[in-house]
Amino acid sequence: LVVGGVEPNGTENLVVPVSPRAYLLDYVEQGGRAVVSVIEVGGLDGPRIFPALGVTRDRTMAILTGGWSNDGAGVSTATLTLNLSTEPPTFQPEQALFSGRGGMSSRMLKNDALFLAGGVADPAQINATGVGAAETFAPAAYCY
């Protein structure tokens, strides 16, 4: 699952895309050749860069939270889930609340909660001497 990112704007600059983008990539080997299929995922609520993303240990659900939008001018507080077995795959809004940060690292824990470390609400406030944030983010929809 690939979500967000930047793209070239025709010059040497990278910018946040105007429209949201998310894709499922599937890799298989066929006849000794690598084949990657790409499926677009709908339902993303806007462009996001540096969000937190995790997949449940049974590989049936994904969760997306946080991230910056609009070239870092805004931060998303929305949480989305994705049932990886639905066709076509589409993000759905989740009722979980998130304080809103981007640029954090995330790790899915054994109970399917996300451990989030670092990140800030405003990328202009990134400071190597400041204290970082750490939290466990556990939407009730699928945590065990």
N, C-alpha and C. Protein backbone atom coordinates (compact mmCIF):
# COMPACT_ATOMS: atom_id res chain seq x y z
N LEU A 1 0.86 -1.17 0.00
CA LEU A 1 0.00 0.00 0.00
C LEU A 1 0.90 1.23 0.00
N VAL A 2 0.70 2.11 -0.95
CA VAL A 2 1.48 3.34 -1.08
C VAL A 2 0.50 4.50 -1.01
N VAL A 3 0.78 5.45 -0.09
CA VAL A 3 -0.12 6.59 0.10
C VAL A 3 0.68 7.87 0.10
N GLY A 4 0.16 8.87 -0.60
CA GLY A 4 0.75 10.20 -0.53
C GLY A 4 2.05 10.32 -1.28
N GLY A 5 2.78 11.34 -0.91
CA GLY A 5 4.05 11.61 -1.56
C GLY A 5 4.01 12.92 -2.32
N VAL A 6 5.05 13.14 -3.08
CA VAL A 6 5.16 14.36 -3.88
C VAL A 6 5.40 13.97 -5.33
N GLU A 7 5.29 14.95 -6.21
CA GLU A 7 5.51 14.71 -7.63
C GLU A 7 6.20 15.92 -8.24
N PRO A 8 6.88 15.74 -9.38
CA PRO A 8 7.52 16.89 -10.02
C PRO A 8 6.47 17.83 -10.60
N ASN A 9 6.78 19.11 -10.61
CA ASN A 9 5.83 20.09 -11.15
C ASN A 9 6.25 20.62 -12.52
N GLY A 10 7.16 19.92 -13.19
CA GLY A 10 7.59 20.36 -14.50
C GLY A 10 8.88 21.14 -14.45
N THR A 11 9.29 21.54 -13.26
CA THR A 11 10.58 22.20 -13.09
C THR A 11 11.43 21.27 -12.23
N GLU A 12 12.30 21.81 -11.45
CA GLU A 12 13.12 20.98 -10.57
C GLU A 12 12.49 20.81 -9.19
N ASN A 13 11.28 21.32 -8.98
CA ASN A 13 10.65 21.28 -7.67
C ASN A 13 9.71 20.09 -7.54
N LEU A 14 9.59 19.59 -6.32
CA LEU A 14 8.62 18.56 -5.98
C LEU A 14 7.51 19.22 -5.18
N VAL A 15 6.26 18.89 -5.50
CA VAL A 15 5.12 19.50 -4.83
C VAL A 15 4.13 18.42 -4.42
N VAL A 16 3.25 18.78 -3.47
CA VAL A 16 2.17 17.89 -3.07
C VAL A 16 1.16 17.86 -4.21
N PRO A 17 0.72 16.67 -4.64
CA PRO A 17 -0.26 16.61 -5.72
C PRO A 17 -1.56 17.33 -5.35
N VAL A 18 -2.23 17.86 -6.35
CA VAL A 18 -3.52 18.53 -6.13
C VAL A 18 -4.57 17.51 -5.72
N SER A 19 -4.56 16.34 -6.34
CA SER A 19 -5.52 15.31 -6.00
C SER A 19 -4.86 14.22 -5.17
N PRO A 20 -5.63 13.60 -4.27
CA PRO A 20 -5.06 12.55 -3.42
C PRO A 20 -4.71 11.30 -4.23
N ARG A 21 -3.68 10.60 -3.79
CA ARG A 21 -3.27 9.39 -4.50
C ARG A 21 -2.91 8.29 -3.51
N ALA A 22 -3.45 7.10 -3.77
CA ALA A 22 -3.11 5.90 -2.99
C ALA A 22 -3.20 4.71 -3.94
N TYR A 23 -2.28 3.76 -3.76
CA TYR A 23 -2.22 2.60 -4.66
C TYR A 23 -1.89 1.33 -3.87
N LEU A 24 -2.48 0.22 -4.30
CA LEU A 24 -2.08 -1.10 -3.84
C LEU A 24 -1.15 -1.67 -4.90
N LEU A 25 0.01 -2.14 -4.48
CA LEU A 25 0.96 -2.76 -5.40
C LEU A 25 1.01 -4.25 -5.09
N ASP A 26 0.98 -5.07 -6.11
CA ASP A 26 1.07 -6.52 -5.93
C ASP A 26 2.22 -7.04 -6.78
N TYR A 27 3.14 -7.74 -6.13
CA TYR A 27 4.32 -8.27 -6.80
C TYR A 27 4.21 -9.79 -6.88
N VAL A 28 4.38 -10.33 -8.08
CA VAL A 28 4.44 -11.77 -8.28
C VAL A 28 5.51 -12.08 -9.32
N GLU A 29 5.99 -13.30 -9.29
CA GLU A 29 6.91 -13.75 -10.33
C GLU A 29 6.16 -14.70 -11.23
N GLN A 30 6.25 -14.44 -12.52
CA GLN A 30 5.57 -15.28 -13.53
C GLN A 30 6.59 -15.65 -14.58
N GLY A 31 6.87 -16.94 -14.69
CA GLY A 31 7.82 -17.40 -15.69
C GLY A 31 9.21 -16.81 -15.51
N GLY A 32 9.63 -16.62 -14.25
CA GLY A 32 10.94 -16.06 -13.99
C GLY A 32 11.04 -14.55 -14.14
N ARG A 33 9.90 -13.90 -14.37
CA ARG A 33 9.87 -12.44 -14.52
C ARG A 33 9.07 -11.81 -13.40
N ALA A 34 9.52 -10.66 -12.94
CA ALA A 34 8.79 -9.91 -11.91
C ALA A 34 7.66 -9.13 -12.56
N VAL A 35 6.47 -9.24 -11.98
CA VAL A 35 5.31 -8.51 -12.48
C VAL A 35 4.70 -7.74 -11.31
N VAL A 36 4.53 -6.43 -11.49
CA VAL A 36 3.92 -5.59 -10.48
C VAL A 36 2.61 -5.05 -11.04
N SER A 37 1.51 -5.33 -10.34
CA SER A 37 0.23 -4.74 -10.74
C SER A 37 -0.08 -3.59 -9.80
N VAL A 38 -0.73 -2.57 -10.32
CA VAL A 38 -1.04 -1.36 -9.57
C VAL A 38 -2.55 -1.15 -9.60
N ILE A 39 -3.14 -1.02 -8.41
CA ILE A 39 -4.58 -0.77 -8.29
C ILE A 39 -4.76 0.54 -7.54
N GLU A 40 -5.49 1.47 -8.13
CA GLU A 40 -5.74 2.74 -7.46
C GLU A 40 -6.74 2.54 -6.33
N VAL A 41 -6.49 3.18 -5.19
CA VAL A 41 -7.37 3.10 -4.03
C VAL A 41 -8.12 4.41 -3.91
N GLY A 42 -9.44 4.34 -3.82
CA GLY A 42 -10.26 5.54 -3.69
C GLY A 42 -10.54 5.90 -2.24
N GLY A 43 -11.25 6.98 -2.04
CA GLY A 43 -11.72 7.37 -0.72
C GLY A 43 -10.75 8.18 0.12
N LEU A 44 -9.57 8.49 -0.42
CA LEU A 44 -8.62 9.30 0.33
C LEU A 44 -9.18 10.71 0.43
N ASP A 45 -9.16 11.29 1.63
CA ASP A 45 -9.83 12.55 1.88
C ASP A 45 -9.07 13.79 1.42
N GLY A 46 -7.91 13.63 0.87
CA GLY A 46 -7.10 14.75 0.37
C GLY A 46 -5.66 14.31 0.26
N PRO A 47 -4.83 15.11 -0.38
CA PRO A 47 -3.42 14.75 -0.48
C PRO A 47 -2.78 14.71 0.90
N ARG A 48 -1.89 13.76 1.12
CA ARG A 48 -1.17 13.66 2.40
C ARG A 48 0.29 13.35 2.11
N ILE A 49 1.17 13.98 2.89
CA ILE A 49 2.57 13.62 2.84
C ILE A 49 3.03 13.29 4.26
N PHE A 50 3.84 12.28 4.37
CA PHE A 50 4.37 11.78 5.64
C PHE A 50 3.28 11.44 6.66
N PRO A 51 2.26 10.66 6.27
CA PRO A 51 1.28 10.19 7.25
C PRO A 51 1.81 8.92 7.94
N ALA A 52 1.04 8.40 8.88
CA ALA A 52 1.34 7.12 9.50
C ALA A 52 0.43 6.07 8.84
N LEU A 53 1.00 4.93 8.55
CA LEU A 53 0.26 3.87 7.86
C LEU A 53 0.64 2.54 8.48
N GLY A 54 -0.35 1.69 8.69
CA GLY A 54 -0.08 0.36 9.22
C GLY A 54 -1.07 -0.64 8.66
N VAL A 55 -0.66 -1.90 8.64
CA VAL A 55 -1.50 -3.00 8.17
C VAL A 55 -1.63 -4.00 9.31
N THR A 56 -2.84 -4.47 9.56
CA THR A 56 -3.06 -5.42 10.65
C THR A 56 -2.28 -6.71 10.41
N ARG A 57 -2.01 -7.43 11.50
CA ARG A 57 -1.17 -8.63 11.37
C ARG A 57 -1.83 -9.71 10.51
N ASP A 58 -3.17 -9.72 10.42
CA ASP A 58 -3.81 -10.70 9.53
C ASP A 58 -3.92 -10.20 8.09
N ARG A 59 -3.38 -9.01 7.86
CA ARG A 59 -3.30 -8.39 6.52
C ARG A 59 -4.65 -8.16 5.85
N THR A 60 -5.67 -7.91 6.66
CA THR A 60 -6.99 -7.64 6.08
C THR A 60 -7.37 -6.17 6.12
N MET A 61 -6.76 -5.39 7.04
CA MET A 61 -7.12 -3.99 7.19
C MET A 61 -5.87 -3.13 7.22
N ALA A 62 -6.03 -1.88 6.76
CA ALA A 62 -4.96 -0.89 6.86
C ALA A 62 -5.54 0.34 7.53
N ILE A 63 -4.69 1.08 8.22
CA ILE A 63 -5.10 2.32 8.86
C ILE A 63 -4.15 3.43 8.43
N LEU A 64 -4.72 4.59 8.19
CA LEU A 64 -3.96 5.77 7.78
C LEU A 64 -4.38 6.92 8.68
N THR A 65 -3.39 7.61 9.25
CA THR A 65 -3.71 8.76 10.09
C THR A 65 -2.61 9.81 9.98
N GLY A 66 -2.99 11.05 10.22
CA GLY A 66 -2.03 12.15 10.20
C GLY A 66 -1.52 12.47 8.82
N GLY A 67 -0.42 13.20 8.79
CA GLY A 67 0.19 13.63 7.54
C GLY A 67 -0.11 15.09 7.25
N TRP A 68 0.77 15.69 6.49
CA TRP A 68 0.58 17.08 6.09
C TRP A 68 -0.08 17.13 4.72
N SER A 69 -0.76 18.23 4.46
CA SER A 69 -1.36 18.47 3.14
C SER A 69 -0.99 19.88 2.70
N ASN A 70 -1.31 20.21 1.49
CA ASN A 70 -1.10 21.56 0.97
C ASN A 70 0.33 22.05 1.19
N ASP A 71 1.30 21.26 0.77
CA ASP A 71 2.71 21.61 0.93
C ASP A 71 3.09 21.89 2.38
N GLY A 72 2.46 21.16 3.30
CA GLY A 72 2.80 21.30 4.71
C GLY A 72 2.04 22.37 5.44
N ALA A 73 1.15 23.08 4.75
CA ALA A 73 0.42 24.17 5.40
C ALA A 73 -0.70 23.66 6.30
N GLY A 74 -1.12 22.43 6.12
CA GLY A 74 -2.19 21.88 6.94
C GLY A 74 -1.82 20.50 7.43
N VAL A 75 -2.45 20.07 8.49
CA VAL A 75 -2.21 18.73 9.02
C VAL A 75 -3.56 18.02 9.13
N SER A 76 -3.57 16.73 8.80
CA SER A 76 -4.81 15.97 8.85
C SER A 76 -5.01 15.36 10.23
N THR A 77 -6.21 15.51 10.77
CA THR A 77 -6.57 14.85 12.02
C THR A 77 -7.48 13.66 11.76
N ALA A 78 -7.83 13.44 10.50
CA ALA A 78 -8.72 12.34 10.14
C ALA A 78 -7.98 11.01 10.11
N THR A 79 -8.71 9.97 10.45
CA THR A 79 -8.20 8.60 10.38
C THR A 79 -9.07 7.84 9.40
N LEU A 80 -8.42 7.10 8.51
CA LEU A 80 -9.12 6.31 7.51
C LEU A 80 -8.72 4.85 7.65
N THR A 81 -9.64 3.95 7.36
CA THR A 81 -9.33 2.52 7.32
C THR A 81 -9.60 1.99 5.93
N LEU A 82 -8.95 0.89 5.60
CA LEU A 82 -9.09 0.27 4.29
C LEU A 82 -9.20 -1.23 4.48
N ASN A 83 -10.33 -1.80 4.05
CA ASN A 83 -10.47 -3.25 4.03
C ASN A 83 -9.76 -3.72 2.78
N LEU A 84 -8.66 -4.43 2.95
CA LEU A 84 -7.81 -4.81 1.82
C LEU A 84 -8.42 -5.89 0.93
N SER A 85 -9.56 -6.45 1.34
CA SER A 85 -10.18 -7.49 0.51
C SER A 85 -11.36 -6.98 -0.30
N THR A 86 -11.70 -5.69 -0.19
CA THR A 86 -12.83 -5.16 -0.95
C THR A 86 -12.43 -4.81 -2.37
N GLU A 87 -13.37 -4.89 -3.27
CA GLU A 87 -13.16 -4.51 -4.67
C GLU A 87 -14.23 -3.50 -5.05
N PRO A 88 -13.91 -2.34 -5.53
CA PRO A 88 -12.57 -1.78 -5.57
C PRO A 88 -12.17 -1.33 -4.17
N PRO A 89 -10.87 -1.32 -3.86
CA PRO A 89 -10.44 -0.90 -2.54
C PRO A 89 -10.72 0.58 -2.32
N THR A 90 -11.35 0.92 -1.19
CA THR A 90 -11.72 2.31 -0.91
C THR A 90 -11.53 2.60 0.58
N PHE A 91 -10.83 3.69 0.89
CA PHE A 91 -10.68 4.12 2.27
C PHE A 91 -12.04 4.53 2.83
N GLN A 92 -12.26 4.24 4.11
CA GLN A 92 -13.48 4.64 4.81
C GLN A 92 -13.10 5.47 6.02
N PRO A 93 -13.90 6.50 6.35
CA PRO A 93 -13.59 7.30 7.54
C PRO A 93 -13.75 6.46 8.81
N GLU A 94 -12.89 6.70 9.75
CA GLU A 94 -12.90 6.02 11.05
C GLU A 94 -13.26 7.05 12.11
N GLN A 95 -13.94 6.64 13.15
CA GLN A 95 -14.37 7.57 14.20
C GLN A 95 -13.26 7.95 15.16
N ALA A 96 -12.10 7.31 15.05
CA ALA A 96 -10.99 7.59 15.97
C ALA A 96 -10.49 9.02 15.78
N LEU A 97 -10.16 9.66 16.87
CA LEU A 97 -9.62 11.02 16.84
C LEU A 97 -8.11 10.97 16.94
N PHE A 98 -7.45 11.85 16.21
CA PHE A 98 -6.00 11.94 16.24
C PHE A 98 -5.62 13.41 16.34
N SER A 99 -4.61 13.70 17.14
CA SER A 99 -4.24 15.10 17.39
C SER A 99 -3.72 15.79 16.13
N GLY A 100 -3.19 15.04 15.20
CA GLY A 100 -2.72 15.60 13.94
C GLY A 100 -1.25 15.95 13.96
N ARG A 101 -0.47 15.12 13.29
CA ARG A 101 0.97 15.35 13.11
C ARG A 101 1.36 14.74 11.78
N GLY A 102 2.46 15.19 11.26
CA GLY A 102 3.05 14.60 10.08
C GLY A 102 4.52 14.35 10.34
N GLY A 103 5.14 13.56 9.51
CA GLY A 103 6.56 13.31 9.63
C GLY A 103 6.95 12.37 10.74
N MET A 104 5.98 11.60 11.26
CA MET A 104 6.31 10.66 12.32
C MET A 104 6.61 9.29 11.73
N SER A 105 7.28 8.48 12.50
CA SER A 105 7.45 7.10 12.08
C SER A 105 6.38 6.28 12.77
N SER A 106 6.00 5.18 12.15
CA SER A 106 4.95 4.35 12.74
C SER A 106 5.34 2.88 12.66
N ARG A 107 4.86 2.14 13.61
CA ARG A 107 5.11 0.71 13.67
C ARG A 107 3.85 0.04 14.19
N MET A 108 3.37 -0.97 13.46
CA MET A 108 2.20 -1.71 13.89
C MET A 108 2.61 -2.66 15.01
N LEU A 109 1.90 -2.59 16.13
CA LEU A 109 2.19 -3.45 17.27
C LEU A 109 1.43 -4.77 17.17
N LYS A 110 1.71 -5.72 18.05
CA LYS A 110 1.09 -7.05 18.00
C LYS A 110 -0.43 -7.00 18.18
N ASN A 111 -0.92 -5.96 18.87
CA ASN A 111 -2.37 -5.83 19.07
C ASN A 111 -3.02 -4.98 17.98
N ASP A 112 -2.29 -4.70 16.90
CA ASP A 112 -2.76 -3.92 15.76
C ASP A 112 -2.96 -2.44 16.06
N ALA A 113 -2.40 -1.97 17.16
CA ALA A 113 -2.34 -0.53 17.42
C ALA A 113 -1.10 0.01 16.72
N LEU A 114 -1.13 1.28 16.40
CA LEU A 114 0.03 1.94 15.79
C LEU A 114 0.85 2.62 16.87
N PHE A 115 2.14 2.38 16.90
CA PHE A 115 3.05 3.14 17.74
C PHE A 115 3.57 4.27 16.88
N LEU A 116 3.35 5.50 17.31
CA LEU A 116 3.76 6.69 16.56
C LEU A 116 4.86 7.41 17.32
N ALA A 117 5.95 7.68 16.66
CA ALA A 117 7.07 8.38 17.29
C ALA A 117 7.48 9.57 16.45
N GLY A 118 7.67 10.71 17.11
CA GLY A 118 8.11 11.92 16.42
C GLY A 118 6.98 12.63 15.73
N GLY A 119 7.34 13.48 14.80
CA GLY A 119 6.37 14.24 14.03
C GLY A 119 5.97 15.54 14.71
N VAL A 120 5.47 16.45 13.92
CA VAL A 120 4.99 17.74 14.40
C VAL A 120 3.76 18.15 13.60
N ALA A 121 2.96 19.03 14.18
CA ALA A 121 1.77 19.52 13.48
C ALA A 121 2.14 20.47 12.36
N ASP A 122 3.17 21.27 12.58
CA ASP A 122 3.59 22.27 11.60
C ASP A 122 5.05 21.99 11.21
N PRO A 123 5.30 21.63 9.95
CA PRO A 123 6.68 21.31 9.57
C PRO A 123 7.66 22.47 9.73
N ALA A 124 7.16 23.69 9.80
CA ALA A 124 8.05 24.83 10.04
C ALA A 124 8.59 24.82 11.47
N GLN A 125 7.98 24.01 12.34
CA GLN A 125 8.39 23.95 13.73
C GLN A 125 9.35 22.79 14.02
N ILE A 126 9.83 22.11 12.98
CA ILE A 126 10.77 21.02 13.20
C ILE A 126 12.01 21.58 13.86
N ASN A 127 12.41 20.94 14.96
CA ASN A 127 13.50 21.45 15.77
C ASN A 127 14.26 20.26 16.33
N ALA A 128 15.52 20.16 16.00
CA ALA A 128 16.33 19.03 16.44
C ALA A 128 16.57 19.03 17.94
N THR A 129 16.33 20.13 18.63
CA THR A 129 16.58 20.16 20.06
C THR A 129 15.31 19.97 20.88
N GLY A 130 14.15 19.94 20.23
CA GLY A 130 12.89 19.79 20.95
C GLY A 130 12.62 18.35 21.35
N VAL A 131 11.71 18.20 22.28
CA VAL A 131 11.31 16.87 22.75
C VAL A 131 10.31 16.30 21.75
N GLY A 132 10.50 15.07 21.35
CA GLY A 132 9.59 14.42 20.40
C GLY A 132 8.39 13.80 21.09
N ALA A 133 7.37 13.55 20.31
CA ALA A 133 6.15 12.92 20.82
C ALA A 133 6.21 11.42 20.55
N ALA A 134 5.55 10.66 21.40
CA ALA A 134 5.40 9.22 21.20
C ALA A 134 4.05 8.83 21.76
N GLU A 135 3.33 8.00 21.03
CA GLU A 135 2.02 7.57 21.51
C GLU A 135 1.64 6.25 20.86
N THR A 136 0.68 5.59 21.48
CA THR A 136 0.07 4.40 20.89
C THR A 136 -1.30 4.81 20.42
N PHE A 137 -1.57 4.62 19.15
CA PHE A 137 -2.84 5.01 18.54
C PHE A 137 -3.62 3.73 18.24
N ALA A 138 -4.75 3.54 18.91
CA ALA A 138 -5.46 2.28 18.82
C ALA A 138 -6.95 2.48 18.50
N PRO A 139 -7.32 2.55 17.23
CA PRO A 139 -8.73 2.64 16.88
C PRO A 139 -9.45 1.36 17.31
N ALA A 140 -10.58 1.50 17.94
CA ALA A 140 -11.32 0.35 18.45
C ALA A 140 -11.86 -0.54 17.35
N ALA A 141 -11.92 -0.04 16.13
CA ALA A 141 -12.54 -0.79 15.03
C ALA A 141 -11.87 -2.14 14.78
N TYR A 142 -10.57 -2.25 15.04
CA TYR A 142 -9.93 -3.52 14.74
C TYR A 142 -8.78 -3.92 15.66
N CYS A 143 -8.57 -3.21 16.73
CA CYS A 143 -7.49 -3.61 17.66
C CYS A 143 -7.97 -4.80 18.49
N TYR A 144 -7.07 -5.73 18.75
CA TYR A 144 -7.42 -6.94 19.50
C TYR A 144 -7.05 -6.81 20.94
